[in-house]
């Protein structure tokens, strides 16, 4: 642990109240904490692998701080069952997540989708009876690396307040697309909330205010108090367009079985669509076409003052390689809270 490293040249500066850890140090702290709240060694590895990747790609709230949210989740105290397939065809599967956390249940769903796509060229897999799946791009990138095109959506319990409403009715509901290219995966991942719930929780834990126009308290009144927003909700991104997309992803959660366990249409449902591009194109040239597409985008004329035209995922992938070398900067308060578990 390096607490005194100079911030000169670092992607993430060392600031008061933070520590800089190597990837291995983060893994040890994370896996120890996850095992202590009741997960097996294998499940802890699956969870922390994603948390590390999230932090490496620059999503601070989606790294080790998520373990604190996991520890507070009421479903942690409900007995877990093995993840099972409850309905299946050659190109589809519906899986009962067994009340296992989504980091594990969605991971297994992605594995099942790849298995079916390998055999039949296309797959649709839904996972229900789960929660907290983390960052969609993590699952999608793993699948894209095997040569597939992927769309992945995740509905959740109410956190987002529809325009004009006084209480939340939708999840933060992320949407992710992934495409293979000759240079590697190209990923587009976005949440449909104005701020992801994990970021709201991290703001509250650190006592930081939310930006204006994002949070609502339990009575539906606007607030910048993150703790108050945890009792209420957040706005969708982009006004009515973001609300409409958030609404549609909640509906796709129903296809993933979100209402089966509790007969509640506003709940968690993880859906994967995986396609082998060879079933659509006469030649196996999707990767090269995707690479040319990216090349043309990056070669566009630039406006004054613009150094580079970036494509989705490019920033995160570049930063990931830097942080592998430079380490991961984490708030000391988060580390102390994890050790207190």
C-alpha atoms as a PDB file:
ATOM      1  CA  UNK A   1       0.000   0.000   0.000  1.00  0.00           C
ATOM      2  CA  UNK A   2       1.505   3.291  -1.078  1.00  0.00           C
ATOM      3  CA  UNK A   3      -0.015   6.204   0.868  1.00  0.00           C
ATOM      4  CA  UNK A   4       2.588   8.827  -0.040  1.00  0.00           C
ATOM      5  CA  UNK A   5       3.159   8.394  -3.775  1.00  0.00           C
ATOM      6  CA  UNK A   6       3.476  11.606  -5.733  1.00  0.00           C
ATOM      7  CA  UNK A   7       0.466  12.458  -7.860  1.00  0.00           C
ATOM      8  CA  UNK A   8       2.759  13.736 -10.633  1.00  0.00           C
ATOM      9  CA  UNK A   9       1.953  11.889 -13.857  1.00  0.00           C
ATOM     10  CA  UNK A  10      -0.638   9.607 -12.272  1.00  0.00           C
ATOM     11  CA  UNK A  11      -4.011   9.106 -13.929  1.00  0.00           C
ATOM     12  CA  UNK A  12      -5.634   9.330 -10.476  1.00  0.00           C
ATOM     13  CA  UNK A  13      -3.921  11.735  -8.057  1.00  0.00           C
ATOM     14  CA  UNK A  14      -3.224  10.830  -4.454  1.00  0.00           C
ATOM     15  CA  UNK A  15      -5.398  13.016  -2.254  1.00  0.00           C
ATOM     16  CA  UNK A  16      -5.964  13.305   1.492  1.00  0.00           C
ATOM     17  CA  UNK A  17      -8.111  10.448   2.682  1.00  0.00           C
ATOM     18  CA  UNK A  18      -7.132   8.047  -0.117  1.00  0.00           C
ATOM     19  CA  UNK A  19      -4.760   5.108  -0.495  1.00  0.00           C
ATOM     20  CA  UNK A  20      -3.159   3.657  -3.626  1.00  0.00           C
ATOM     21  CA  UNK A  21      -3.339  -0.119  -3.909  1.00  0.00           C
ATOM     22  CA  UNK A  22      -2.021  -2.664  -6.380  1.00  0.00           C
ATOM     23  CA  UNK A  23      -4.495  -4.917  -8.167  1.00  0.00           C
ATOM     24  CA  UNK A  24      -3.399  -7.815  -5.951  1.00  0.00           C
ATOM     25  CA  UNK A  25      -3.954  -5.774  -2.785  1.00  0.00           C
ATOM     26  CA  UNK A  26      -7.443  -4.806  -3.968  1.00  0.00           C
ATOM     27  CA  UNK A  27      -8.165  -8.470  -4.726  1.00  0.00           C
ATOM     28  CA  UNK A  28      -7.082  -9.600  -1.262  1.00  0.00           C
ATOM     29  CA  UNK A  29      -9.137  -6.944   0.536  1.00  0.00           C
ATOM     30  CA  UNK A  30     -12.161  -7.513  -1.697  1.00  0.00           C
ATOM     31  CA  UNK A  31     -12.218 -11.309  -1.608  1.00  0.00           C
ATOM     32  CA  UNK A  32     -11.704 -11.338   2.162  1.00  0.00           C
ATOM     33  CA  UNK A  33     -14.648  -8.969   2.654  1.00  0.00           C
ATOM     34  CA  UNK A  34     -16.946 -10.860   0.268  1.00  0.00           C
ATOM     35  CA  UNK A  35     -16.161 -14.198   1.925  1.00  0.00           C
ATOM     36  CA  UNK A  36     -16.837 -12.663   5.340  1.00  0.00           C
ATOM     37  CA  UNK A  37     -20.363 -11.665   4.311  1.00  0.00           C
ATOM     38  CA  UNK A  38     -21.126 -15.246   3.357  1.00  0.00           C
ATOM     39  CA  UNK A  39     -19.937 -16.042  -0.160  1.00  0.00           C
ATOM     40  CA  UNK A  40     -17.876 -19.026  -1.259  1.00  0.00           C
ATOM     41  CA  UNK A  41     -14.312 -18.665  -2.457  1.00  0.00           C
ATOM     42  CA  UNK A  42     -15.363 -19.180  -6.092  1.00  0.00           C
ATOM     43  CA  UNK A  43     -18.230 -16.693  -5.878  1.00  0.00           C
ATOM     44  CA  UNK A  44     -15.962 -14.163  -4.153  1.00  0.00           C
ATOM     45  CA  UNK A  45     -13.502 -14.486  -7.033  1.00  0.00           C
ATOM     46  CA  UNK A  46     -16.268 -13.904  -9.623  1.00  0.00           C
ATOM     47  CA  UNK A  47     -17.559 -10.845  -7.747  1.00  0.00           C
ATOM     48  CA  UNK A  48     -14.183  -9.242  -7.109  1.00  0.00           C
ATOM     49  CA  UNK A  49     -12.909  -9.910 -10.635  1.00  0.00           C
ATOM     50  CA  UNK A  50     -15.636  -7.583 -11.858  1.00  0.00           C
ATOM     51  CA  UNK A  51     -15.137  -5.018  -9.091  1.00  0.00           C
ATOM     52  CA  UNK A  52     -11.442  -4.782  -9.967  1.00  0.00           C
ATOM     53  CA  UNK A  53     -12.188  -4.382 -13.666  1.00  0.00           C
ATOM     54  CA  UNK A  54     -14.740  -1.677 -12.880  1.00  0.00           C
ATOM     55  CA  UNK A  55     -12.187   0.247 -10.836  1.00  0.00           C
ATOM     56  CA  UNK A  56      -9.472  -0.196 -13.474  1.00  0.00           C
ATOM     57  CA  UNK A  57     -11.804   1.245 -16.114  1.00  0.00           C
ATOM     58  CA  UNK A  58     -12.456   4.313 -13.978  1.00  0.00           C
ATOM     59  CA  UNK A  59     -15.819   3.518 -12.364  1.00  0.00           C
ATOM     60  CA  UNK A  60     -14.897   4.247  -8.771  1.00  0.00           C
ATOM     61  CA  UNK A  61     -18.356   3.663  -7.292  1.00  0.00           C
ATOM     62  CA  UNK A  62     -18.563   0.238  -8.981  1.00  0.00           C
ATOM     63  CA  UNK A  63     -15.362  -1.061  -7.385  1.00  0.00           C
ATOM     64  CA  UNK A  64     -14.816  -2.094  -3.762  1.00  0.00           C
ATOM     65  CA  UNK A  65     -17.508   0.314  -2.437  1.00  0.00           C
ATOM     66  CA  UNK A  66     -20.121  -2.046  -3.909  1.00  0.00           C
ATOM     67  CA  UNK A  67     -19.252  -4.615  -1.256  1.00  0.00           C
ATOM     68  CA  UNK A  68     -20.590  -2.205   1.358  1.00  0.00           C
ATOM     69  CA  UNK A  69     -23.901  -2.101  -0.513  1.00  0.00           C
ATOM     70  CA  UNK A  70     -23.906  -5.904  -0.774  1.00  0.00           C
ATOM     71  CA  UNK A  71     -23.400  -6.200   2.981  1.00  0.00           C
ATOM     72  CA  UNK A  72     -26.446  -3.982   3.638  1.00  0.00           C
ATOM     73  CA  UNK A  73     -28.758  -5.751   1.180  1.00  0.00           C
ATOM     74  CA  UNK A  74     -31.641  -7.507   2.950  1.00  0.00           C
ATOM     75  CA  UNK A  75     -31.546 -10.367   0.437  1.00  0.00           C
ATOM     76  CA  UNK A  76     -28.158 -11.339   1.839  1.00  0.00           C
ATOM     77  CA  UNK A  77     -30.013 -12.754   4.860  1.00  0.00           C
ATOM     78  CA  UNK A  78     -32.333 -14.896   2.712  1.00  0.00           C
ATOM     79  CA  UNK A  79     -31.158 -18.429   1.985  1.00  0.00           C
ATOM     80  CA  UNK A  80     -29.501 -18.908  -1.407  1.00  0.00           C
ATOM     81  CA  UNK A  81     -30.169 -21.847  -3.725  1.00  0.00           C
ATOM     82  CA  UNK A  82     -28.162 -23.214  -6.665  1.00  0.00           C
ATOM     83  CA  UNK A  83     -28.679 -21.356  -9.948  1.00  0.00           C
ATOM     84  CA  UNK A  84     -30.883 -23.539 -12.153  1.00  0.00           C
ATOM     85  CA  UNK A  85     -32.388 -23.604 -15.659  1.00  0.00           C
ATOM     86  CA  UNK A  86     -36.189 -23.694 -15.361  1.00  0.00           C
ATOM     87  CA  UNK A  87     -37.142 -23.472 -19.051  1.00  0.00           C
ATOM     88  CA  UNK A  88     -35.047 -24.199 -22.108  1.00  0.00           C
ATOM     89  CA  UNK A  89     -35.040 -24.529 -25.892  1.00  0.00           C
ATOM     90  CA  UNK A  90     -32.048 -25.032 -28.208  1.00  0.00           C
ATOM     91  CA  UNK A  91     -31.652 -21.232 -28.498  1.00  0.00           C
ATOM     92  CA  UNK A  92     -33.011 -19.955 -25.183  1.00  0.00           C
ATOM     93  CA  UNK A  93     -32.943 -20.478 -21.439  1.00  0.00           C
ATOM     94  CA  UNK A  94     -34.695 -19.013 -18.420  1.00  0.00           C
ATOM     95  CA  UNK A  95     -32.624 -19.294 -15.252  1.00  0.00           C
ATOM     96  CA  UNK A  96     -33.609 -19.008 -11.595  1.00  0.00           C
ATOM     97  CA  UNK A  97     -30.798 -17.104  -9.911  1.00  0.00           C
ATOM     98  CA  UNK A  98     -31.609 -18.726  -6.553  1.00  0.00           C
ATOM     99  CA  UNK A  99     -31.357 -15.398  -4.695  1.00  0.00           C
ATOM    100  CA  UNK A 100     -27.658 -15.298  -5.590  1.00  0.00           C
ATOM    101  CA  UNK A 101     -26.217 -11.859  -6.219  1.00  0.00           C
ATOM    102  CA  UNK A 102     -26.293 -10.760  -9.842  1.00  0.00           C
ATOM    103  CA  UNK A 103     -22.508 -10.615 -10.106  1.00  0.00           C
ATOM    104  CA  UNK A 104     -22.678 -14.415  -9.942  1.00  0.00           C
ATOM    105  CA  UNK A 105     -26.141 -15.114 -11.420  1.00  0.00           C
ATOM    106  CA  UNK A 106     -25.679 -12.860 -14.470  1.00  0.00           C
ATOM    107  CA  UNK A 107     -22.175 -14.278 -14.952  1.00  0.00           C
ATOM    108  CA  UNK A 108     -23.680 -17.772 -15.180  1.00  0.00           C
ATOM    109  CA  UNK A 109     -26.381 -16.463 -17.502  1.00  0.00           C
ATOM    110  CA  UNK A 110     -23.720 -15.107 -19.836  1.00  0.00           C
ATOM    111  CA  UNK A 111     -21.964 -18.473 -19.804  1.00  0.00           C
ATOM    112  CA  UNK A 112     -25.221 -20.214 -20.735  1.00  0.00           C
ATOM    113  CA  UNK A 113     -25.830 -17.766 -23.592  1.00  0.00           C
ATOM    114  CA  UNK A 114     -22.369 -18.453 -25.035  1.00  0.00           C
ATOM    115  CA  UNK A 115     -22.913 -22.201 -24.750  1.00  0.00           C
ATOM    116  CA  UNK A 116     -26.109 -21.973 -26.799  1.00  0.00           C
ATOM    117  CA  UNK A 117     -24.712 -19.501 -29.334  1.00  0.00           C
ATOM    118  CA  UNK A 118     -21.765 -21.829 -29.965  1.00  0.00           C
ATOM    119  CA  UNK A 119     -24.155 -24.644 -30.813  1.00  0.00           C
ATOM    120  CA  UNK A 120     -26.875 -22.744 -32.684  1.00  0.00           C
ATOM    121  CA  UNK A 121     -25.494 -19.335 -33.645  1.00  0.00           C
ATOM    122  CA  UNK A 122     -27.945 -17.328 -31.539  1.00  0.00           C
ATOM    123  CA  UNK A 123     -29.179 -17.314 -27.961  1.00  0.00           C
ATOM    124  CA  UNK A 124     -31.560 -15.505 -25.629  1.00  0.00           C
ATOM    125  CA  UNK A 125     -31.051 -16.077 -21.900  1.00  0.00           C
ATOM    126  CA  UNK A 126     -32.912 -14.513 -18.986  1.00  0.00           C
ATOM    127  CA  UNK A 127     -32.018 -14.613 -15.292  1.00  0.00           C
ATOM    128  CA  UNK A 128     -34.389 -13.744 -12.435  1.00  0.00           C
ATOM    129  CA  UNK A 129     -34.525 -14.102  -8.632  1.00  0.00           C
ATOM    130  CA  UNK A 130     -31.310 -12.116  -8.229  1.00  0.00           C
ATOM    131  CA  UNK A 131     -30.063  -8.583  -7.569  1.00  0.00           C
ATOM    132  CA  UNK A 132     -27.031  -6.264  -7.993  1.00  0.00           C
ATOM    133  CA  UNK A 133     -25.416  -7.362 -11.244  1.00  0.00           C
ATOM    134  CA  UNK A 134     -22.904  -4.528 -11.428  1.00  0.00           C
ATOM    135  CA  UNK A 135     -21.555  -3.253 -14.735  1.00  0.00           C
ATOM    136  CA  UNK A 136     -23.100  -4.732 -17.874  1.00  0.00           C
ATOM    137  CA  UNK A 137     -19.984  -4.081 -19.941  1.00  0.00           C
ATOM    138  CA  UNK A 138     -18.026  -6.616 -17.901  1.00  0.00           C
ATOM    139  CA  UNK A 139     -20.229  -9.538 -18.974  1.00  0.00           C
ATOM    140  CA  UNK A 140     -20.570  -8.268 -22.525  1.00  0.00           C
ATOM    141  CA  UNK A 141     -16.832  -7.819 -23.055  1.00  0.00           C
ATOM    142  CA  UNK A 142     -16.163 -11.379 -21.883  1.00  0.00           C
ATOM    143  CA  UNK A 143     -18.660 -12.690 -24.450  1.00  0.00           C
ATOM    144  CA  UNK A 144     -17.512 -10.430 -27.282  1.00  0.00           C
ATOM    145  CA  UNK A 145     -13.943 -11.674 -26.823  1.00  0.00           C
ATOM    146  CA  UNK A 146     -15.262 -15.055 -27.990  1.00  0.00           C
ATOM    147  CA  UNK A 147     -16.438 -13.560 -31.283  1.00  0.00           C
ATOM    148  CA  UNK A 148     -20.092 -12.747 -30.615  1.00  0.00           C
ATOM    149  CA  UNK A 149     -22.322  -9.687 -30.909  1.00  0.00           C
ATOM    150  CA  UNK A 150     -24.155  -9.061 -27.630  1.00  0.00           C
ATOM    151  CA  UNK A 151     -27.018  -7.009 -26.239  1.00  0.00           C
ATOM    152  CA  UNK A 152     -27.518  -7.133 -22.474  1.00  0.00           C
ATOM    153  CA  UNK A 153     -30.155  -5.342 -20.399  1.00  0.00           C
ATOM    154  CA  UNK A 154     -30.808  -5.327 -16.661  1.00  0.00           C
ATOM    155  CA  UNK A 155     -34.016  -4.204 -14.985  1.00  0.00           C
ATOM    156  CA  UNK A 156     -34.111  -3.541 -11.256  1.00  0.00           C
ATOM    157  CA  UNK A 157     -36.311  -2.524  -8.356  1.00  0.00           C
ATOM    158  CA  UNK A 158     -37.598   1.068  -8.267  1.00  0.00           C
ATOM    159  CA  UNK A 159     -34.920   3.758  -7.987  1.00  0.00           C
ATOM    160  CA  UNK A 160     -35.813   6.114 -10.863  1.00  0.00           C
ATOM    161  CA  UNK A 161     -38.615   8.672 -10.604  1.00  0.00           C
ATOM    162  CA  UNK A 162     -40.613   9.043 -13.868  1.00  0.00           C
ATOM    163  CA  UNK A 163     -41.185  12.639 -15.029  1.00  0.00           C
ATOM    164  CA  UNK A 164     -44.027  14.118 -13.020  1.00  0.00           C
ATOM    165  CA  UNK A 165     -44.144  11.312 -10.446  1.00  0.00           C
ATOM    166  CA  UNK A 166     -43.543  11.730  -6.706  1.00  0.00           C
ATOM    167  CA  UNK A 167     -41.953   8.327  -6.085  1.00  0.00           C
ATOM    168  CA  UNK A 168     -39.644   5.933  -7.980  1.00  0.00           C
ATOM    169  CA  UNK A 169     -41.086   3.235 -10.240  1.00  0.00           C
ATOM    170  CA  UNK A 170     -38.184   2.066 -12.433  1.00  0.00           C
ATOM    171  CA  UNK A 171     -34.725   0.609 -11.960  1.00  0.00           C
ATOM    172  CA  UNK A 172     -31.555   2.382 -13.048  1.00  0.00           C
ATOM    173  CA  UNK A 173     -31.836  -0.103 -15.939  1.00  0.00           C
ATOM    174  CA  UNK A 174     -28.556  -0.212 -17.889  1.00  0.00           C
ATOM    175  CA  UNK A 175     -28.261  -1.217 -21.545  1.00  0.00           C
ATOM    176  CA  UNK A 176     -25.120  -2.568 -23.184  1.00  0.00           C
ATOM    177  CA  UNK A 177     -24.084  -3.500 -26.741  1.00  0.00           C
ATOM    178  CA  UNK A 178     -20.875  -5.296 -27.664  1.00  0.00           C
ATOM    179  CA  UNK A 179     -19.218  -5.931 -31.037  1.00  0.00           C
ATOM    180  CA  UNK A 180     -16.074  -7.877 -31.980  1.00  0.00           C
ATOM    181  CA  UNK A 181     -13.434  -6.248 -34.192  1.00  0.00           C
ATOM    182  CA  UNK A 182      -9.956  -7.158 -35.374  1.00  0.00           C
ATOM    183  CA  UNK A 183      -8.576  -4.845 -32.666  1.00  0.00           C
ATOM    184  CA  UNK A 184     -10.730  -6.304 -29.887  1.00  0.00           C
ATOM    185  CA  UNK A 185     -14.146  -5.656 -28.322  1.00  0.00           C
ATOM    186  CA  UNK A 186     -16.066  -2.430 -28.923  1.00  0.00           C
ATOM    187  CA  UNK A 187     -18.525  -1.866 -26.056  1.00  0.00           C
ATOM    188  CA  UNK A 188     -21.247   0.689 -25.468  1.00  0.00           C
ATOM    189  CA  UNK A 189     -22.675   0.609 -21.935  1.00  0.00           C
ATOM    190  CA  UNK A 190     -25.022   3.154 -20.401  1.00  0.00           C
ATOM    191  CA  UNK A 191     -27.396   3.477 -17.490  1.00  0.00           C
ATOM    192  CA  UNK A 192     -30.772   5.067 -18.078  1.00  0.00           C
ATOM    193  CA  UNK A 193     -30.731   6.904 -14.734  1.00  0.00           C
ATOM    194  CA  UNK A 194     -29.195  10.371 -14.423  1.00  0.00           C
ATOM    195  CA  UNK A 195     -26.828   8.833 -11.851  1.00  0.00           C
ATOM    196  CA  UNK A 196     -26.318   5.148 -11.128  1.00  0.00           C
ATOM    197  CA  UNK A 197     -27.500   3.979  -7.712  1.00  0.00           C
ATOM    198  CA  UNK A 198     -24.064   2.824  -6.633  1.00  0.00           C
ATOM    199  CA  UNK A 199     -22.795   6.350  -7.193  1.00  0.00           C
ATOM    200  CA  UNK A 200     -25.642   7.754  -5.064  1.00  0.00           C
ATOM    201  CA  UNK A 201     -24.716   5.302  -2.305  1.00  0.00           C
ATOM    202  CA  UNK A 202     -21.048   6.274  -2.514  1.00  0.00           C
ATOM    203  CA  UNK A 203     -21.956   9.988  -2.296  1.00  0.00           C
ATOM    204  CA  UNK A 204     -24.026   9.253   0.806  1.00  0.00           C
ATOM    205  CA  UNK A 205     -21.274   7.141   2.394  1.00  0.00           C
ATOM    206  CA  UNK A 206     -18.712   9.910   1.850  1.00  0.00           C
ATOM    207  CA  UNK A 207     -21.120  12.700   2.827  1.00  0.00           C
ATOM    208  CA  UNK A 208     -20.889  14.363  -0.591  1.00  0.00           C
ATOM    209  CA  UNK A 209     -23.723  16.339  -2.208  1.00  0.00           C
ATOM    210  CA  UNK A 210     -25.387  15.249  -5.445  1.00  0.00           C
ATOM    211  CA  UNK A 211     -25.398  17.553  -8.488  1.00  0.00           C
ATOM    212  CA  UNK A 212     -28.622  19.586  -8.748  1.00  0.00           C
ATOM    213  CA  UNK A 213     -31.500  18.124 -10.744  1.00  0.00           C
ATOM    214  CA  UNK A 214     -30.723  14.474 -10.025  1.00  0.00           C
ATOM    215  CA  UNK A 215     -32.105  13.465  -6.620  1.00  0.00           C
ATOM    216  CA  UNK A 216     -35.552  13.352  -5.033  1.00  0.00           C
ATOM    217  CA  UNK A 217     -36.378  12.703  -1.388  1.00  0.00           C
ATOM    218  CA  UNK A 218     -39.016  10.283  -0.113  1.00  0.00           C
ATOM    219  CA  UNK A 219     -41.756  12.883  -0.702  1.00  0.00           C
ATOM    220  CA  UNK A 220     -40.685  13.490  -4.305  1.00  0.00           C
ATOM    221  CA  UNK A 221     -39.114  16.881  -3.632  1.00  0.00           C
ATOM    222  CA  UNK A 222     -35.799  17.724  -5.384  1.00  0.00           C
ATOM    223  CA  UNK A 223     -32.706  17.326  -3.191  1.00  0.00           C
ATOM    224  CA  UNK A 224     -28.925  17.348  -3.411  1.00  0.00           C
ATOM    225  CA  UNK A 225     -28.640  15.346  -0.173  1.00  0.00           C
ATOM    226  CA  UNK A 226     -27.503  11.860  -1.252  1.00  0.00           C
ATOM    227  CA  UNK A 227     -28.766  10.281   1.993  1.00  0.00           C
ATOM    228  CA  UNK A 228     -32.216  11.780   1.354  1.00  0.00           C
ATOM    229  CA  UNK A 229     -32.147  10.542  -2.257  1.00  0.00           C
ATOM    230  CA  UNK A 230     -31.497   7.001  -1.017  1.00  0.00           C
ATOM    231  CA  UNK A 231     -34.960   7.173   0.577  1.00  0.00           C
ATOM    232  CA  UNK A 232     -36.451   8.569  -2.621  1.00  0.00           C
ATOM    233  CA  UNK A 233     -34.883   8.213  -6.046  1.00  0.00           C
ATOM    234  CA  UNK A 234     -33.183   9.840  -9.014  1.00  0.00           C
ATOM    235  CA  UNK A 235     -34.345  11.238 -12.341  1.00  0.00           C
ATOM    236  CA  UNK A 236     -33.907   9.373 -15.637  1.00  0.00           C
ATOM    237  CA  UNK A 237     -31.253  10.760 -17.955  1.00  0.00           C
ATOM    238  CA  UNK A 238     -32.315  12.857 -20.938  1.00  0.00           C
ATOM    239  CA  UNK A 239     -35.843  13.730 -19.877  1.00  0.00           C
ATOM    240  CA  UNK A 240     -38.641  11.868 -21.649  1.00  0.00           C
ATOM    241  CA  UNK A 241     -36.302  10.046 -24.056  1.00  0.00           C
ATOM    242  CA  UNK A 242     -34.285   8.574 -21.211  1.00  0.00           C
ATOM    243  CA  UNK A 243     -37.489   7.774 -19.350  1.00  0.00           C
ATOM    244  CA  UNK A 244     -38.844   5.919 -22.390  1.00  0.00           C
ATOM    245  CA  UNK A 245     -35.677   3.836 -22.716  1.00  0.00           C
ATOM    246  CA  UNK A 246     -35.688   3.101 -18.974  1.00  0.00           C
ATOM    247  CA  UNK A 247     -39.347   2.044 -19.268  1.00  0.00           C
ATOM    248  CA  UNK A 248     -38.583  -0.316 -22.176  1.00  0.00           C
ATOM    249  CA  UNK A 249     -35.715  -2.018 -20.327  1.00  0.00           C
ATOM    250  CA  UNK A 250     -37.991  -2.618 -17.330  1.00  0.00           C
ATOM    251  CA  UNK A 251     -40.381  -4.363 -19.745  1.00  0.00           C
ATOM    252  CA  UNK A 252     -37.545  -6.544 -21.071  1.00  0.00           C
ATOM    253  CA  UNK A 253     -36.944  -7.584 -17.471  1.00  0.00           C
ATOM    254  CA  UNK A 254     -40.345  -9.272 -17.586  1.00  0.00           C
ATOM    255  CA  UNK A 255     -39.057 -11.414 -20.475  1.00  0.00           C
ATOM    256  CA  UNK A 256     -36.168 -12.397 -18.203  1.00  0.00           C
ATOM    257  CA  UNK A 257     -38.655 -13.549 -15.531  1.00  0.00           C
ATOM    258  CA  UNK A 258     -38.451 -10.578 -13.165  1.00  0.00           C
ATOM    259  CA  UNK A 259     -42.014 -11.000 -11.843  1.00  0.00           C
ATOM    260  CA  UNK A 260     -41.924 -14.772 -11.276  1.00  0.00           C
ATOM    261  CA  UNK A 261     -40.761 -14.982  -7.668  1.00  0.00           C
ATOM    262  CA  UNK A 262     -42.672 -12.148  -6.007  1.00  0.00           C
ATOM    263  CA  UNK A 263     -45.347 -11.466  -8.656  1.00  0.00           C
ATOM    264  CA  UNK A 264     -43.915  -7.943  -8.812  1.00  0.00           C
ATOM    265  CA  UNK A 265     -43.408  -6.410 -12.247  1.00  0.00           C
ATOM    266  CA  UNK A 266     -40.847  -3.904 -10.937  1.00  0.00           C
ATOM    267  CA  UNK A 267     -37.935  -6.164 -10.046  1.00  0.00           C
ATOM    268  CA  UNK A 268     -34.587  -7.495 -11.237  1.00  0.00           C
ATOM    269  CA  UNK A 269     -34.317  -9.293 -14.587  1.00  0.00           C
ATOM    270  CA  UNK A 270     -31.108  -9.827 -16.589  1.00  0.00           C
ATOM    271  CA  UNK A 271     -31.422 -10.526 -20.320  1.00  0.00           C
ATOM    272  CA  UNK A 272     -28.726 -11.577 -22.813  1.00  0.00           C
ATOM    273  CA  UNK A 273     -29.018 -11.735 -26.581  1.00  0.00           C
ATOM    274  CA  UNK A 274     -25.931 -13.302 -28.169  1.00  0.00           C
ATOM    275  CA  UNK A 275     -25.416 -13.654 -31.950  1.00  0.00           C
ATOM    276  CA  UNK A 276     -22.682 -15.280 -33.986  1.00  0.00           C
ATOM    277  CA  UNK A 277     -22.267 -12.832 -36.906  1.00  0.00           C
ATOM    278  CA  UNK A 278     -21.562 -15.771 -39.227  1.00  0.00           C
ATOM    279  CA  UNK A 279     -25.262 -16.722 -39.225  1.00  0.00           C
ATOM    280  CA  UNK A 280     -26.104 -13.371 -40.862  1.00  0.00           C
ATOM    281  CA  UNK A 281     -23.270 -12.556 -43.262  1.00  0.00           C
ATOM    282  CA  UNK A 282     -22.164 -14.511 -46.356  1.00  0.00           C
ATOM    283  CA  UNK A 283     -18.507 -14.039 -45.446  1.00  0.00           C
ATOM    284  CA  UNK A 284     -16.872 -14.170 -42.019  1.00  0.00           C
ATOM    285  CA  UNK A 285     -15.818 -10.532 -42.211  1.00  0.00           C
ATOM    286  CA  UNK A 286     -17.787  -8.761 -39.464  1.00  0.00           C
ATOM    287  CA  UNK A 287     -14.661  -8.128 -37.386  1.00  0.00           C
ATOM    288  CA  UNK A 288     -12.822  -6.470 -40.259  1.00  0.00           C
ATOM    289  CA  UNK A 289     -15.906  -4.439 -41.171  1.00  0.00           C
ATOM    290  CA  UNK A 290     -16.216  -3.292 -37.559  1.00  0.00           C
ATOM    291  CA  UNK A 291     -12.553  -2.289 -37.545  1.00  0.00           C
ATOM    292  CA  UNK A 292     -13.047  -0.252 -40.725  1.00  0.00           C
ATOM    293  CA  UNK A 293     -16.129   1.368 -39.191  1.00  0.00           C
ATOM    294  CA  UNK A 294     -14.090   2.424 -36.159  1.00  0.00           C
ATOM    295  CA  UNK A 295     -11.218   3.636 -38.352  1.00  0.00           C
ATOM    296  CA  UNK A 296     -13.530   5.877 -40.369  1.00  0.00           C
ATOM    297  CA  UNK A 297     -15.068   7.335 -37.236  1.00  0.00           C
ATOM    298  CA  UNK A 298     -11.682   8.183 -35.756  1.00  0.00           C
ATOM    299  CA  UNK A 299     -10.474   9.643 -39.077  1.00  0.00           C
ATOM    300  CA  UNK A 300     -13.261  12.244 -39.250  1.00  0.00           C
ATOM    301  CA  UNK A 301     -12.194  15.914 -39.441  1.00  0.00           C
ATOM    302  CA  UNK A 302     -11.904  17.377 -35.946  1.00  0.00           C
ATOM    303  CA  UNK A 303     -13.359  20.613 -34.650  1.00  0.00           C
ATOM    304  CA  UNK A 304     -10.899  23.253 -33.381  1.00  0.00           C
ATOM    305  CA  UNK A 305      -9.297  22.237 -30.105  1.00  0.00           C
ATOM    306  CA  UNK A 306     -10.279  18.558 -30.399  1.00  0.00           C
ATOM    307  CA  UNK A 307      -7.326  16.185 -30.189  1.00  0.00           C
ATOM    308  CA  UNK A 308      -9.080  12.864 -30.750  1.00  0.00           C
ATOM    309  CA  UNK A 309     -12.440  11.389 -31.735  1.00  0.00           C
ATOM    310  CA  UNK A 310     -13.074   8.520 -29.378  1.00  0.00           C
ATOM    311  CA  UNK A 311     -15.393   5.567 -29.752  1.00  0.00           C
ATOM    312  CA  UNK A 312     -17.374   3.925 -26.930  1.00  0.00           C
ATOM    313  CA  UNK A 313     -15.186   1.941 -24.466  1.00  0.00           C
ATOM    314  CA  UNK A 314     -11.921   3.422 -25.751  1.00  0.00           C
ATOM    315  CA  UNK A 315     -11.337   5.647 -22.712  1.00  0.00           C
ATOM    316  CA  UNK A 316     -12.010   2.867 -20.216  1.00  0.00           C
ATOM    317  CA  UNK A 317      -9.796   0.347 -22.012  1.00  0.00           C
ATOM    318  CA  UNK A 318      -6.856   2.754 -22.178  1.00  0.00           C
ATOM    319  CA  UNK A 319      -7.241   3.756 -18.534  1.00  0.00           C
ATOM    320  CA  UNK A 320      -7.471   0.108 -17.494  1.00  0.00           C
ATOM    321  CA  UNK A 321      -3.973  -0.580 -18.777  1.00  0.00           C
ATOM    322  CA  UNK A 322      -2.578   2.494 -16.990  1.00  0.00           C
ATOM    323  CA  UNK A 323      -4.162   1.614 -13.652  1.00  0.00           C
ATOM    324  CA  UNK A 324      -2.805  -1.935 -13.831  1.00  0.00           C
ATOM    325  CA  UNK A 325       0.627  -0.295 -13.580  1.00  0.00           C
ATOM    326  CA  UNK A 326      -0.154   2.778 -11.459  1.00  0.00           C
ATOM    327  CA  UNK A 327      -2.525   1.101  -9.005  1.00  0.00           C
ATOM    328  CA  UNK A 328      -6.068   1.873  -7.875  1.00  0.00           C
ATOM    329  CA  UNK A 329      -6.831   4.881  -5.673  1.00  0.00           C
ATOM    330  CA  UNK A 330      -9.552   4.215  -3.087  1.00  0.00           C
ATOM    331  CA  UNK A 331     -10.956   6.310  -0.250  1.00  0.00           C
ATOM    332  CA  UNK A 332      -9.475   5.268   3.080  1.00  0.00           C
ATOM    333  CA  UNK A 333     -12.974   5.395   4.574  1.00  0.00           C
ATOM    334  CA  UNK A 334     -14.094   2.673   2.164  1.00  0.00           C
ATOM    335  CA  UNK A 335     -11.133   0.437   3.097  1.00  0.00           C
ATOM    336  CA  UNK A 336     -11.792   0.942   6.817  1.00  0.00           C
ATOM    337  CA  UNK A 337     -15.474   0.107   6.348  1.00  0.00           C
ATOM    338  CA  UNK A 338     -14.588  -3.088   4.472  1.00  0.00           C
ATOM    339  CA  UNK A 339     -12.140  -4.130   7.173  1.00  0.00           C
ATOM    340  CA  UNK A 340     -14.841  -3.477   9.780  1.00  0.00           C
ATOM    341  CA  UNK A 341     -17.099  -6.047   8.117  1.00  0.00           C
END
